[in-house]
Amino acid sequence: MLRKIVDLTEPDNGCEGFMPGEEPLVTLKLDDGREVRIPDMLAYKMNWDIGQSISDEDIEKYAR
């Protein structure tokens, strides 16, 4: 089943940035009320943004 992304929150680590090896994650808020965390670069590559859809299979596969 496809879920619509209704909001997206990107990490803000300020001037400190990320630790070496740390993978930035975005939080996707879905139309069913769930919030899932997905690697930022993957969300960008897959075009998962507000108004787009993500499948339950992809959520199961990539959510952290």
C-alpha atoms as a PDB file:
ATOM      1  CA  MET A   1       0.000   0.000   0.000  1.00  0.00           C
ATOM      2  CA  LEU A   2       1.199   3.528  -0.724  1.00  0.00           C
ATOM      3  CA  ARG A   3       1.396   6.162   2.003  1.00  0.00           C
ATOM      4  CA  LYS A   4       1.447   9.887   1.310  1.00  0.00           C
ATOM      5  CA  ILE A   5       4.189  11.955   2.935  1.00  0.00           C
ATOM      6  CA  VAL A   6       2.513  14.897   4.694  1.00  0.00           C
ATOM      7  CA  ASP A   7       5.584  16.384   6.407  1.00  0.00           C
ATOM      8  CA  LEU A   8       9.352  15.973   6.390  1.00  0.00           C
ATOM      9  CA  THR A   9      11.822  17.006   9.081  1.00  0.00           C
ATOM     10  CA  GLU A  10      15.498  17.243   8.224  1.00  0.00           C
ATOM     11  CA  PRO A  11      18.251  16.986  10.836  1.00  0.00           C
ATOM     12  CA  ASP A  12      19.823  20.192  12.094  1.00  0.00           C
ATOM     13  CA  ASN A  13      23.144  19.587  13.764  1.00  0.00           C
ATOM     14  CA  GLY A  14      24.033  23.269  13.708  1.00  0.00           C
ATOM     15  CA  CYS A  15      27.661  24.258  13.364  1.00  0.00           C
ATOM     16  CA  GLU A  16      28.819  20.971  14.904  1.00  0.00           C
ATOM     17  CA  GLY A  17      27.779  18.981  11.845  1.00  0.00           C
ATOM     18  CA  PHE A  18      27.695  15.210  11.966  1.00  0.00           C
ATOM     19  CA  MET A  19      30.167  12.860  13.591  1.00  0.00           C
ATOM     20  CA  PRO A  20      32.428  10.922  11.217  1.00  0.00           C
ATOM     21  CA  GLY A  21      30.483   7.928   9.927  1.00  0.00           C
ATOM     22  CA  GLU A  22      27.155   9.241  11.254  1.00  0.00           C
ATOM     23  CA  GLU A  23      24.348   8.871   8.713  1.00  0.00           C
ATOM     24  CA  PRO A  24      21.887  11.806   8.661  1.00  0.00           C
ATOM     25  CA  LEU A  25      18.258  10.678   8.826  1.00  0.00           C
ATOM     26  CA  VAL A  26      15.069  12.517   7.856  1.00  0.00           C
ATOM     27  CA  THR A  27      11.737  11.956   9.561  1.00  0.00           C
ATOM     28  CA  LEU A  28       8.784  11.404   7.252  1.00  0.00           C
ATOM     29  CA  LYS A  29       5.306  11.964   8.677  1.00  0.00           C
ATOM     30  CA  LEU A  30       2.806   9.810   6.815  1.00  0.00           C
ATOM     31  CA  ASP A  31      -0.912  10.247   6.147  1.00  0.00           C
ATOM     32  CA  ASP A  32      -1.697   7.403   8.557  1.00  0.00           C
ATOM     33  CA  GLY A  33      -0.061   9.315  11.446  1.00  0.00           C
ATOM     34  CA  ARG A  34       3.162   7.281  11.553  1.00  0.00           C
ATOM     35  CA  GLU A  35       6.577   8.891  11.576  1.00  0.00           C
ATOM     36  CA  VAL A  36       9.463   6.956  10.071  1.00  0.00           C
ATOM     37  CA  ARG A  37      13.161   7.779   9.905  1.00  0.00           C
ATOM     38  CA  ILE A  38      14.886   7.226   6.562  1.00  0.00           C
ATOM     39  CA  PRO A  39      18.489   7.942   5.511  1.00  0.00           C
ATOM     40  CA  ASP A  40      18.614  11.485   4.121  1.00  0.00           C
ATOM     41  CA  MET A  41      20.511  10.609   0.935  1.00  0.00           C
ATOM     42  CA  LEU A  42      18.112   7.759   0.147  1.00  0.00           C
ATOM     43  CA  ALA A  43      15.082  10.031   0.582  1.00  0.00           C
ATOM     44  CA  TYR A  44      16.713  12.530  -1.792  1.00  0.00           C
ATOM     45  CA  LYS A  45      17.557   9.884  -4.408  1.00  0.00           C
ATOM     46  CA  MET A  46      14.065   8.334  -4.240  1.00  0.00           C
ATOM     47  CA  ASN A  47      12.355  11.763  -4.361  1.00  0.00           C
ATOM     48  CA  TRP A  48      10.509  11.110  -1.090  1.00  0.00           C
ATOM     49  CA  ASP A  49       9.293  14.593  -0.229  1.00  0.00           C
ATOM     50  CA  ILE A  50       6.102  16.253   0.996  1.00  0.00           C
ATOM     51  CA  GLY A  51       3.221  15.277  -1.277  1.00  0.00           C
ATOM     52  CA  GLN A  52       4.994  12.197  -2.666  1.00  0.00           C
ATOM     53  CA  SER A  53       4.188   8.584  -1.828  1.00  0.00           C
ATOM     54  CA  ILE A  54       6.210   5.811  -0.244  1.00  0.00           C
ATOM     55  CA  SER A  55       5.241   2.142  -0.200  1.00  0.00           C
ATOM     56  CA  ASP A  56       4.840   0.030   2.912  1.00  0.00           C
ATOM     57  CA  GLU A  57       7.492  -2.275   1.428  1.00  0.00           C
ATOM     58  CA  ASP A  58      10.019   0.579   1.201  1.00  0.00           C
ATOM     59  CA  ILE A  59       9.170   1.695   4.745  1.00  0.00           C
ATOM     60  CA  GLU A  60       9.779  -1.848   5.994  1.00  0.00           C
ATOM     61  CA  LYS A  61      13.030  -2.090   4.049  1.00  0.00           C
ATOM     62  CA  TYR A  62      14.617   1.302   4.789  1.00  0.00           C
ATOM     63  CA  ALA A  63      13.116   2.758   7.994  1.00  0.00           C
ATOM     64  CA  ARG A  64      15.449   2.954  10.975  1.00  0.00           C
END
